[in-house]
Amino acid sequence: MEMFDQAHGCILYRAQLPAGADDRLVIQELHDYGLVFLDGKRIATLDRRKNQNSVTLPAREHAVTLDILVEAFGRVNFGSAIHDRKGITEKVELVTNSGAHEITGW
């Protein structure tokens, strides 16, 4: 979120996914809470506090829109976690039978 000069609130990440089997979506460093949608239908909630960072996506007969709505819960202001960045701070991967593929073009 800092990359967009947004200090708090929510941020929506949107990308297109190709048709495919029931692949796994892995979000590395989701800060803090995310709702995952395919074509507007909520399929998962992920919470950093519960160490949740992945979900199995249902099979897709055609390309779909992936939305990840991330809410920032606040900031750590002490100790080693003082630089608590918000949003998706690393990467998102679609893990298929042929390996992991980073999703880009948000």
C-alpha atoms as a PDB file:
ATOM      1  CA  MET A   1       0.000   0.000   0.000  1.00  0.00           C
ATOM      2  CA  GLU A   2       2.907   2.326   0.673  1.00  0.00           C
ATOM      3  CA  MET A   3       3.852   2.122  -3.010  1.00  0.00           C
ATOM      4  CA  PHE A   4       0.526   3.880  -3.732  1.00  0.00           C
ATOM      5  CA  ASP A   5       0.981   6.390  -0.879  1.00  0.00           C
ATOM      6  CA  GLN A   6      -1.889   4.754   1.006  1.00  0.00           C
ATOM      7  CA  ALA A   7      -1.262   4.505   4.746  1.00  0.00           C
ATOM      8  CA  HIS A   8      -4.433   2.690   5.834  1.00  0.00           C
ATOM      9  CA  GLY A   9      -7.738   1.233   4.696  1.00  0.00           C
ATOM     10  CA  CYS A  10      -8.253  -1.297   1.903  1.00  0.00           C
ATOM     11  CA  ILE A  11      -6.630  -1.928  -1.459  1.00  0.00           C
ATOM     12  CA  LEU A  12      -7.935  -4.022  -4.352  1.00  0.00           C
ATOM     13  CA  TYR A  13      -5.592  -6.124  -6.481  1.00  0.00           C
ATOM     14  CA  ARG A  14      -7.084  -7.335  -9.795  1.00  0.00           C
ATOM     15  CA  ALA A  15      -5.646  -9.660 -12.437  1.00  0.00           C
ATOM     16  CA  GLN A  16      -6.847 -12.123 -15.055  1.00  0.00           C
ATOM     17  CA  LEU A  17      -6.365 -15.870 -14.609  1.00  0.00           C
ATOM     18  CA  PRO A  18      -6.458 -18.317 -17.493  1.00  0.00           C
ATOM     19  CA  ALA A  19      -8.711 -21.352 -17.613  1.00  0.00           C
ATOM     20  CA  GLY A  20      -7.271 -24.197 -15.585  1.00  0.00           C
ATOM     21  CA  ALA A  21      -7.681 -27.004 -13.120  1.00  0.00           C
ATOM     22  CA  ASP A  22      -8.185 -26.612  -9.380  1.00  0.00           C
ATOM     23  CA  ASP A  23      -4.895 -24.800  -8.858  1.00  0.00           C
ATOM     24  CA  ARG A  24      -3.511 -23.358  -5.624  1.00  0.00           C
ATOM     25  CA  LEU A  25      -3.207 -19.598  -5.098  1.00  0.00           C
ATOM     26  CA  VAL A  26      -0.355 -18.627  -2.743  1.00  0.00           C
ATOM     27  CA  ILE A  27       0.050 -15.078  -1.439  1.00  0.00           C
ATOM     28  CA  GLN A  28       3.462 -14.419   0.045  1.00  0.00           C
ATOM     29  CA  GLU A  29       3.317 -11.767   2.766  1.00  0.00           C
ATOM     30  CA  LEU A  30      -0.337 -10.758   2.862  1.00  0.00           C
ATOM     31  CA  HIS A  31      -0.638  -7.874   5.337  1.00  0.00           C
ATOM     32  CA  ASP A  32      -3.198  -8.206   7.008  1.00  0.00           C
ATOM     33  CA  TYR A  33      -6.541  -9.651   5.883  1.00  0.00           C
ATOM     34  CA  GLY A  34      -7.617 -10.617   2.380  1.00  0.00           C
ATOM     35  CA  LEU A  35     -10.827 -11.541   0.626  1.00  0.00           C
ATOM     36  CA  VAL A  36     -10.308 -13.591  -2.550  1.00  0.00           C
ATOM     37  CA  PHE A  37     -12.878 -13.378  -5.357  1.00  0.00           C
ATOM     38  CA  LEU A  38     -13.220 -15.058  -8.760  1.00  0.00           C
ATOM     39  CA  ASP A  39     -15.520 -13.159 -11.149  1.00  0.00           C
ATOM     40  CA  GLY A  40     -17.028 -11.347  -8.166  1.00  0.00           C
ATOM     41  CA  LYS A  41     -17.772 -14.476  -6.112  1.00  0.00           C
ATOM     42  CA  ARG A  42     -15.975 -14.717  -2.764  1.00  0.00           C
ATOM     43  CA  ILE A  43     -14.090 -17.988  -2.502  1.00  0.00           C
ATOM     44  CA  ALA A  44     -11.849 -17.425   0.519  1.00  0.00           C
ATOM     45  CA  THR A  45     -10.771 -15.207   3.365  1.00  0.00           C
ATOM     46  CA  LEU A  46      -7.125 -15.211   4.435  1.00  0.00           C
ATOM     47  CA  ASP A  47      -5.815 -13.812   7.717  1.00  0.00           C
ATOM     48  CA  ARG A  48      -2.132 -13.192   8.466  1.00  0.00           C
ATOM     49  CA  ARG A  49      -2.758 -13.590  12.210  1.00  0.00           C
ATOM     50  CA  LYS A  50      -3.837 -17.189  11.530  1.00  0.00           C
ATOM     51  CA  ASN A  51      -0.918 -17.868   9.137  1.00  0.00           C
ATOM     52  CA  GLN A  52      -3.334 -18.255   6.216  1.00  0.00           C
ATOM     53  CA  ASN A  53      -1.710 -17.510   2.868  1.00  0.00           C
ATOM     54  CA  SER A  54      -3.163 -19.918   0.304  1.00  0.00           C
ATOM     55  CA  VAL A  55      -6.389 -21.271  -1.128  1.00  0.00           C
ATOM     56  CA  THR A  56      -7.299 -23.934  -3.679  1.00  0.00           C
ATOM     57  CA  LEU A  57      -9.116 -22.283  -6.564  1.00  0.00           C
ATOM     58  CA  PRO A  58     -11.937 -24.142  -8.269  1.00  0.00           C
ATOM     59  CA  ALA A  59     -11.402 -25.381 -11.831  1.00  0.00           C
ATOM     60  CA  ARG A  60     -11.957 -22.651 -14.418  1.00  0.00           C
ATOM     61  CA  GLU A  61     -13.475 -23.408 -17.842  1.00  0.00           C
ATOM     62  CA  HIS A  62     -12.534 -19.955 -19.142  1.00  0.00           C
ATOM     63  CA  ALA A  63     -10.429 -16.963 -18.112  1.00  0.00           C
ATOM     64  CA  VAL A  64     -11.653 -15.278 -14.917  1.00  0.00           C
ATOM     65  CA  THR A  65     -11.036 -12.088 -12.982  1.00  0.00           C
ATOM     66  CA  LEU A  66      -9.135 -12.581  -9.730  1.00  0.00           C
ATOM     67  CA  ASP A  67      -9.724  -9.908  -7.094  1.00  0.00           C
ATOM     68  CA  ILE A  68      -7.909  -9.792  -3.776  1.00  0.00           C
ATOM     69  CA  LEU A  69      -9.255  -7.128  -1.429  1.00  0.00           C
ATOM     70  CA  VAL A  70      -6.723  -6.492   1.334  1.00  0.00           C
ATOM     71  CA  GLU A  71      -7.527  -4.655   4.559  1.00  0.00           C
ATOM     72  CA  ALA A  72      -4.806  -3.179   6.752  1.00  0.00           C
ATOM     73  CA  PHE A  73      -5.471  -3.699  10.471  1.00  0.00           C
ATOM     74  CA  GLY A  74      -3.066  -1.132  11.858  1.00  0.00           C
ATOM     75  CA  ARG A  75       0.649  -0.754  12.368  1.00  0.00           C
ATOM     76  CA  VAL A  76       3.215  -2.249  14.694  1.00  0.00           C
ATOM     77  CA  ASN A  77       5.137   0.599  16.344  1.00  0.00           C
ATOM     78  CA  PHE A  78       7.776  -1.287  18.327  1.00  0.00           C
ATOM     79  CA  GLY A  79      10.391  -4.037  18.106  1.00  0.00           C
ATOM     80  CA  SER A  80      11.613  -5.943  15.075  1.00  0.00           C
ATOM     81  CA  ALA A  81       8.255  -5.660  13.251  1.00  0.00           C
ATOM     82  CA  ILE A  82       8.220  -1.850  13.294  1.00  0.00           C
ATOM     83  CA  HIS A  83       8.440  -1.698   9.484  1.00  0.00           C
ATOM     84  CA  ASP A  84       5.041  -3.336   9.046  1.00  0.00           C
ATOM     85  CA  ARG A  85       4.231  -2.767   5.368  1.00  0.00           C
ATOM     86  CA  LYS A  86       0.635  -3.294   4.243  1.00  0.00           C
ATOM     87  CA  GLY A  87      -1.044  -4.923   1.264  1.00  0.00           C
ATOM     88  CA  ILE A  88       0.625  -7.775  -0.616  1.00  0.00           C
ATOM     89  CA  THR A  89       4.274  -7.071   0.088  1.00  0.00           C
ATOM     90  CA  GLU A  90       5.881  -9.939  -1.837  1.00  0.00           C
ATOM     91  CA  LYS A  91       4.179 -11.887  -4.622  1.00  0.00           C
ATOM     92  CA  VAL A  92       1.174 -13.968  -5.616  1.00  0.00           C
ATOM     93  CA  GLU A  93       1.687 -17.310  -7.336  1.00  0.00           C
ATOM     94  CA  LEU A  94      -0.599 -19.745  -9.102  1.00  0.00           C
ATOM     95  CA  VAL A  95       0.729 -23.215  -8.340  1.00  0.00           C
ATOM     96  CA  THR A  96      -0.210 -25.708 -11.069  1.00  0.00           C
ATOM     97  CA  ASN A  97       0.931 -29.201 -12.010  1.00  0.00           C
ATOM     98  CA  SER A  98       3.678 -27.594 -14.114  1.00  0.00           C
ATOM     99  CA  GLY A  99       5.041 -25.450 -11.252  1.00  0.00           C
ATOM    100  CA  ALA A 100       4.561 -22.029  -9.679  1.00  0.00           C
ATOM    101  CA  HIS A 101       3.751 -19.051 -11.912  1.00  0.00           C
ATOM    102  CA  GLU A 102       3.853 -15.507 -10.517  1.00  0.00           C
ATOM    103  CA  ILE A 103       0.775 -13.412 -11.207  1.00  0.00           C
ATOM    104  CA  THR A 104       1.689  -9.966 -12.472  1.00  0.00           C
ATOM    105  CA  GLY A 105      -0.064  -7.044 -14.147  1.00  0.00           C
ATOM    106  CA  TRP A 106      -2.170  -6.000 -11.190  1.00  0.00           C
END
